[in-house]
Amino acid sequence: MTIETVNRMMQEAIGLLQKAAEYQATHGKSPLKAGSDDRAWQLHDQMMMQMGRIARLLHPRSLKDHHHKYGIWWEHQDMMDVHTAQQLIHEIGCLLARCAYRDADNDGEEWSYAIVIAQCTIAGMLHPSSLQLALDTTIGYDELRVG
């Protein structure tokens, strides 16, 4: 994991937070349903793709060995809410700090348990469908573009 990769992940998470805020501001925590307006469905689809892009930046092992430090939000709501998106940004910030620490205290080690655990935490915050998207190597990273 490089600092450049974590910076890309942070930019994706900021976009996810913006979409979560727009959805929450206009729809509250209302569930998606067949009668939901087009914008609600667009936000849902964009957020799923954005989570897929974040997941694609993580080490593939973390997508399989993830853990749910913050619970399983998708069992209670259809969309990631603002609070969860903020927690995701916090965890990505922690990953950034761990990568910076590893790089500054470079004793030749490229592997860090703290970095592995941080990635597993981030993966555990993402919807399971986005993890499946990320694991599908037939889909290119740029195909996960937010429309």
C-alpha atoms as a PDB file:
ATOM      1  CA  MET A   1       0.000   0.000   0.000  1.00  0.00           C
ATOM      2  CA  THR A   2       1.429   3.349  -1.026  1.00  0.00           C
ATOM      3  CA  ILE A   3       0.584   6.830   0.169  1.00  0.00           C
ATOM      4  CA  GLU A   4      -0.477   7.679  -3.388  1.00  0.00           C
ATOM      5  CA  THR A   5      -2.985   4.810  -3.359  1.00  0.00           C
ATOM      6  CA  VAL A   6      -4.347   5.907   0.014  1.00  0.00           C
ATOM      7  CA  ASN A   7      -4.728   9.474  -1.299  1.00  0.00           C
ATOM      8  CA  ARG A   8      -6.786   8.137  -4.232  1.00  0.00           C
ATOM      9  CA  MET A   9      -8.866   6.139  -1.757  1.00  0.00           C
ATOM     10  CA  MET A  10      -9.441   9.273   0.322  1.00  0.00           C
ATOM     11  CA  GLN A  11     -10.657  11.203  -2.726  1.00  0.00           C
ATOM     12  CA  GLU A  12     -13.124   8.413  -3.490  1.00  0.00           C
ATOM     13  CA  ALA A  13     -14.320   8.424   0.142  1.00  0.00           C
ATOM     14  CA  ILE A  14     -14.840  12.187   0.062  1.00  0.00           C
ATOM     15  CA  GLY A  15     -17.016  11.736  -3.040  1.00  0.00           C
ATOM     16  CA  LEU A  16     -18.921   8.999  -1.212  1.00  0.00           C
ATOM     17  CA  LEU A  17     -19.500  11.343   1.739  1.00  0.00           C
ATOM     18  CA  GLN A  18     -20.853  14.025  -0.613  1.00  0.00           C
ATOM     19  CA  LYS A  19     -23.309  11.574  -2.153  1.00  0.00           C
ATOM     20  CA  ALA A  20     -24.350  10.249   1.265  1.00  0.00           C
ATOM     21  CA  ALA A  21     -25.004  13.819   2.424  1.00  0.00           C
ATOM     22  CA  GLU A  22     -27.068  14.601  -0.683  1.00  0.00           C
ATOM     23  CA  TYR A  23     -29.149  11.451  -0.245  1.00  0.00           C
ATOM     24  CA  GLN A  24     -29.674  12.040   3.463  1.00  0.00           C
ATOM     25  CA  ALA A  25     -30.567  15.705   2.915  1.00  0.00           C
ATOM     26  CA  THR A  26     -33.171  14.909   0.276  1.00  0.00           C
ATOM     27  CA  HIS A  27     -34.466  11.496   1.351  1.00  0.00           C
ATOM     28  CA  GLY A  28     -33.537  11.162   5.030  1.00  0.00           C
ATOM     29  CA  LYS A  29     -32.945   7.543   5.909  1.00  0.00           C
ATOM     30  CA  SER A  30     -35.889   6.385   3.828  1.00  0.00           C
ATOM     31  CA  PRO A  31     -35.344   3.007   2.202  1.00  0.00           C
ATOM     32  CA  LEU A  32     -35.099   2.687  -1.550  1.00  0.00           C
ATOM     33  CA  LYS A  33     -38.156   1.179  -3.178  1.00  0.00           C
ATOM     34  CA  ALA A  34     -39.643   0.765  -6.620  1.00  0.00           C
ATOM     35  CA  GLY A  35     -41.274   4.190  -6.328  1.00  0.00           C
ATOM     36  CA  SER A  36     -38.116   6.058  -5.282  1.00  0.00           C
ATOM     37  CA  ASP A  37     -37.200   8.936  -7.571  1.00  0.00           C
ATOM     38  CA  ASP A  38     -34.524   8.650 -10.243  1.00  0.00           C
ATOM     39  CA  ARG A  39     -32.003  10.727  -8.300  1.00  0.00           C
ATOM     40  CA  ALA A  40     -32.233   8.376  -5.306  1.00  0.00           C
ATOM     41  CA  TRP A  41     -31.437   5.403  -7.548  1.00  0.00           C
ATOM     42  CA  GLN A  42     -28.630   7.316  -9.293  1.00  0.00           C
ATOM     43  CA  LEU A  43     -27.050   8.120  -5.937  1.00  0.00           C
ATOM     44  CA  HIS A  44     -27.383   4.501  -4.866  1.00  0.00           C
ATOM     45  CA  ASP A  45     -25.701   3.234  -8.030  1.00  0.00           C
ATOM     46  CA  GLN A  46     -22.963   5.876  -7.880  1.00  0.00           C
ATOM     47  CA  MET A  47     -22.250   5.088  -4.228  1.00  0.00           C
ATOM     48  CA  MET A  48     -22.017   1.360  -4.958  1.00  0.00           C
ATOM     49  CA  MET A  49     -19.543   1.984  -7.783  1.00  0.00           C
ATOM     50  CA  GLN A  50     -17.563   4.391  -5.616  1.00  0.00           C
ATOM     51  CA  MET A  51     -17.337   1.768  -2.861  1.00  0.00           C
ATOM     52  CA  GLY A  52     -16.177  -0.699  -5.526  1.00  0.00           C
ATOM     53  CA  ARG A  53     -13.417   1.702  -6.518  1.00  0.00           C
ATOM     54  CA  ILE A  54     -12.319   2.062  -2.898  1.00  0.00           C
ATOM     55  CA  ALA A  55     -12.363  -1.716  -2.488  1.00  0.00           C
ATOM     56  CA  ARG A  56     -10.306  -2.165  -5.670  1.00  0.00           C
ATOM     57  CA  LEU A  57      -7.551  -0.033  -4.117  1.00  0.00           C
ATOM     58  CA  LEU A  58      -7.313  -2.347  -1.100  1.00  0.00           C
ATOM     59  CA  HIS A  59      -5.213  -5.486  -0.966  1.00  0.00           C
ATOM     60  CA  PRO A  60      -7.340  -8.409  -2.257  1.00  0.00           C
ATOM     61  CA  ARG A  61      -6.744 -10.340   0.967  1.00  0.00           C
ATOM     62  CA  SER A  62      -8.477  -7.608   2.969  1.00  0.00           C
ATOM     63  CA  LEU A  63     -11.606  -8.045   0.843  1.00  0.00           C
ATOM     64  CA  LYS A  64     -11.849 -11.642   1.998  1.00  0.00           C
ATOM     65  CA  ASP A  65     -10.572 -11.198   5.572  1.00  0.00           C
ATOM     66  CA  HIS A  66     -12.450  -7.980   6.393  1.00  0.00           C
ATOM     67  CA  HIS A  67     -14.004  -7.299   9.778  1.00  0.00           C
ATOM     68  CA  HIS A  68     -16.924  -5.159  10.921  1.00  0.00           C
ATOM     69  CA  LYS A  69     -15.501  -2.752  13.490  1.00  0.00           C
ATOM     70  CA  TYR A  70     -18.457  -0.387  13.000  1.00  0.00           C
ATOM     71  CA  GLY A  71     -21.244  -2.897  12.491  1.00  0.00           C
ATOM     72  CA  ILE A  72     -23.084  -3.951   9.354  1.00  0.00           C
ATOM     73  CA  TRP A  73     -24.950  -0.849   8.150  1.00  0.00           C
ATOM     74  CA  TRP A  74     -26.494  -2.527   5.064  1.00  0.00           C
ATOM     75  CA  GLU A  75     -28.585  -4.792   7.276  1.00  0.00           C
ATOM     76  CA  HIS A  76     -30.447  -1.726   8.562  1.00  0.00           C
ATOM     77  CA  GLN A  77     -30.439   0.726   5.660  1.00  0.00           C
ATOM     78  CA  ASP A  78     -30.049   0.774   1.888  1.00  0.00           C
ATOM     79  CA  MET A  79     -27.559   3.621   1.674  1.00  0.00           C
ATOM     80  CA  MET A  80     -24.393   4.414   3.580  1.00  0.00           C
ATOM     81  CA  ASP A  81     -25.241   7.384   5.788  1.00  0.00           C
ATOM     82  CA  VAL A  82     -23.146  10.464   6.504  1.00  0.00           C
ATOM     83  CA  HIS A  83     -21.888   9.185   9.856  1.00  0.00           C
ATOM     84  CA  THR A  84     -20.640   5.914   8.366  1.00  0.00           C
ATOM     85  CA  ALA A  85     -18.991   7.761   5.473  1.00  0.00           C
ATOM     86  CA  GLN A  86     -17.235   9.988   8.018  1.00  0.00           C
ATOM     87  CA  GLN A  87     -16.028   6.902   9.899  1.00  0.00           C
ATOM     88  CA  LEU A  88     -14.728   5.511   6.606  1.00  0.00           C
ATOM     89  CA  ILE A  89     -12.772   8.708   5.996  1.00  0.00           C
ATOM     90  CA  HIS A  90     -11.358   8.446   9.524  1.00  0.00           C
ATOM     91  CA  GLU A  91     -10.183   4.873   8.890  1.00  0.00           C
ATOM     92  CA  ILE A  92      -8.603   5.860   5.573  1.00  0.00           C
ATOM     93  CA  GLY A  93      -6.821   8.675   7.435  1.00  0.00           C
ATOM     94  CA  CYS A  94      -5.503   6.099   9.908  1.00  0.00           C
ATOM     95  CA  LEU A  95      -4.263   3.987   6.989  1.00  0.00           C
ATOM     96  CA  LEU A  96      -2.528   7.044   5.543  1.00  0.00           C
ATOM     97  CA  ALA A  97      -0.795   7.716   8.870  1.00  0.00           C
ATOM     98  CA  ARG A  98       0.344   4.099   9.127  1.00  0.00           C
ATOM     99  CA  CYS A  99       1.772   4.172   5.612  1.00  0.00           C
ATOM    100  CA  ALA A 100       3.563   7.464   6.326  1.00  0.00           C
ATOM    101  CA  TYR A 101       4.967   6.048   9.574  1.00  0.00           C
ATOM    102  CA  ARG A 102       6.179   2.910   7.776  1.00  0.00           C
ATOM    103  CA  ASP A 103       7.817   4.995   5.060  1.00  0.00           C
ATOM    104  CA  ALA A 104       9.515   7.347   7.565  1.00  0.00           C
ATOM    105  CA  ASP A 105      10.710   4.518   9.797  1.00  0.00           C
ATOM    106  CA  ASN A 106      11.861   2.486   6.830  1.00  0.00           C
ATOM    107  CA  ASP A 107      13.831  -0.445   8.088  1.00  0.00           C
ATOM    108  CA  GLY A 108      13.416  -2.289   4.817  1.00  0.00           C
ATOM    109  CA  GLU A 109      10.042  -3.739   5.732  1.00  0.00           C
ATOM    110  CA  GLU A 110       7.326  -3.323   3.138  1.00  0.00           C
ATOM    111  CA  TRP A 111       4.788  -5.344   5.115  1.00  0.00           C
ATOM    112  CA  SER A 112       3.054  -3.946   8.184  1.00  0.00           C
ATOM    113  CA  TYR A 113       0.450  -5.689  10.350  1.00  0.00           C
ATOM    114  CA  ALA A 114      -1.084  -2.284  11.191  1.00  0.00           C
ATOM    115  CA  ILE A 115      -1.563  -1.552   7.483  1.00  0.00           C
ATOM    116  CA  VAL A 116      -3.128  -4.967   6.872  1.00  0.00           C
ATOM    117  CA  ILE A 117      -5.582  -4.500   9.768  1.00  0.00           C
ATOM    118  CA  ALA A 118      -6.480  -0.973   8.604  1.00  0.00           C
ATOM    119  CA  GLN A 119      -7.330  -2.307   5.137  1.00  0.00           C
ATOM    120  CA  CYS A 120      -9.472  -5.094   6.647  1.00  0.00           C
ATOM    121  CA  THR A 121     -11.364  -2.479   8.675  1.00  0.00           C
ATOM    122  CA  ILE A 122     -11.988  -0.324   5.595  1.00  0.00           C
ATOM    123  CA  ALA A 123     -13.157  -3.358   3.598  1.00  0.00           C
ATOM    124  CA  GLY A 124     -15.565  -4.262   6.398  1.00  0.00           C
ATOM    125  CA  MET A 125     -17.240  -0.870   6.077  1.00  0.00           C
ATOM    126  CA  LEU A 126     -18.021  -1.327   2.389  1.00  0.00           C
ATOM    127  CA  HIS A 127     -21.173  -2.991   1.057  1.00  0.00           C
ATOM    128  CA  PRO A 128     -20.555  -6.694   0.230  1.00  0.00           C
ATOM    129  CA  SER A 129     -21.620  -6.097  -3.393  1.00  0.00           C
ATOM    130  CA  SER A 130     -18.822  -3.557  -3.786  1.00  0.00           C
ATOM    131  CA  LEU A 131     -16.314  -6.116  -2.505  1.00  0.00           C
ATOM    132  CA  GLN A 132     -17.563  -8.562  -5.131  1.00  0.00           C
ATOM    133  CA  LEU A 133     -17.175  -5.872  -7.814  1.00  0.00           C
ATOM    134  CA  ALA A 134     -13.609  -5.267  -6.682  1.00  0.00           C
ATOM    135  CA  LEU A 135     -12.754  -8.974  -6.767  1.00  0.00           C
ATOM    136  CA  ASP A 136     -14.086  -9.339 -10.326  1.00  0.00           C
ATOM    137  CA  THR A 137     -10.934  -8.915 -12.391  1.00  0.00           C
ATOM    138  CA  THR A 138     -12.945  -8.827 -15.621  1.00  0.00           C
ATOM    139  CA  ILE A 139     -14.093  -5.323 -14.621  1.00  0.00           C
ATOM    140  CA  GLY A 140     -11.385  -2.691 -15.013  1.00  0.00           C
ATOM    141  CA  TYR A 141     -10.860   0.023 -12.393  1.00  0.00           C
ATOM    142  CA  ASP A 142     -11.954   2.731 -14.819  1.00  0.00           C
ATOM    143  CA  GLU A 143     -15.144   0.787 -15.563  1.00  0.00           C
ATOM    144  CA  LEU A 144     -16.119   1.421 -11.944  1.00  0.00           C
ATOM    145  CA  ARG A 145     -16.427   5.114 -12.838  1.00  0.00           C
ATOM    146  CA  VAL A 146     -19.085   7.035 -11.045  1.00  0.00           C
ATOM    147  CA  GLY A 147     -21.561   8.209 -13.677  1.00  0.00           C
END
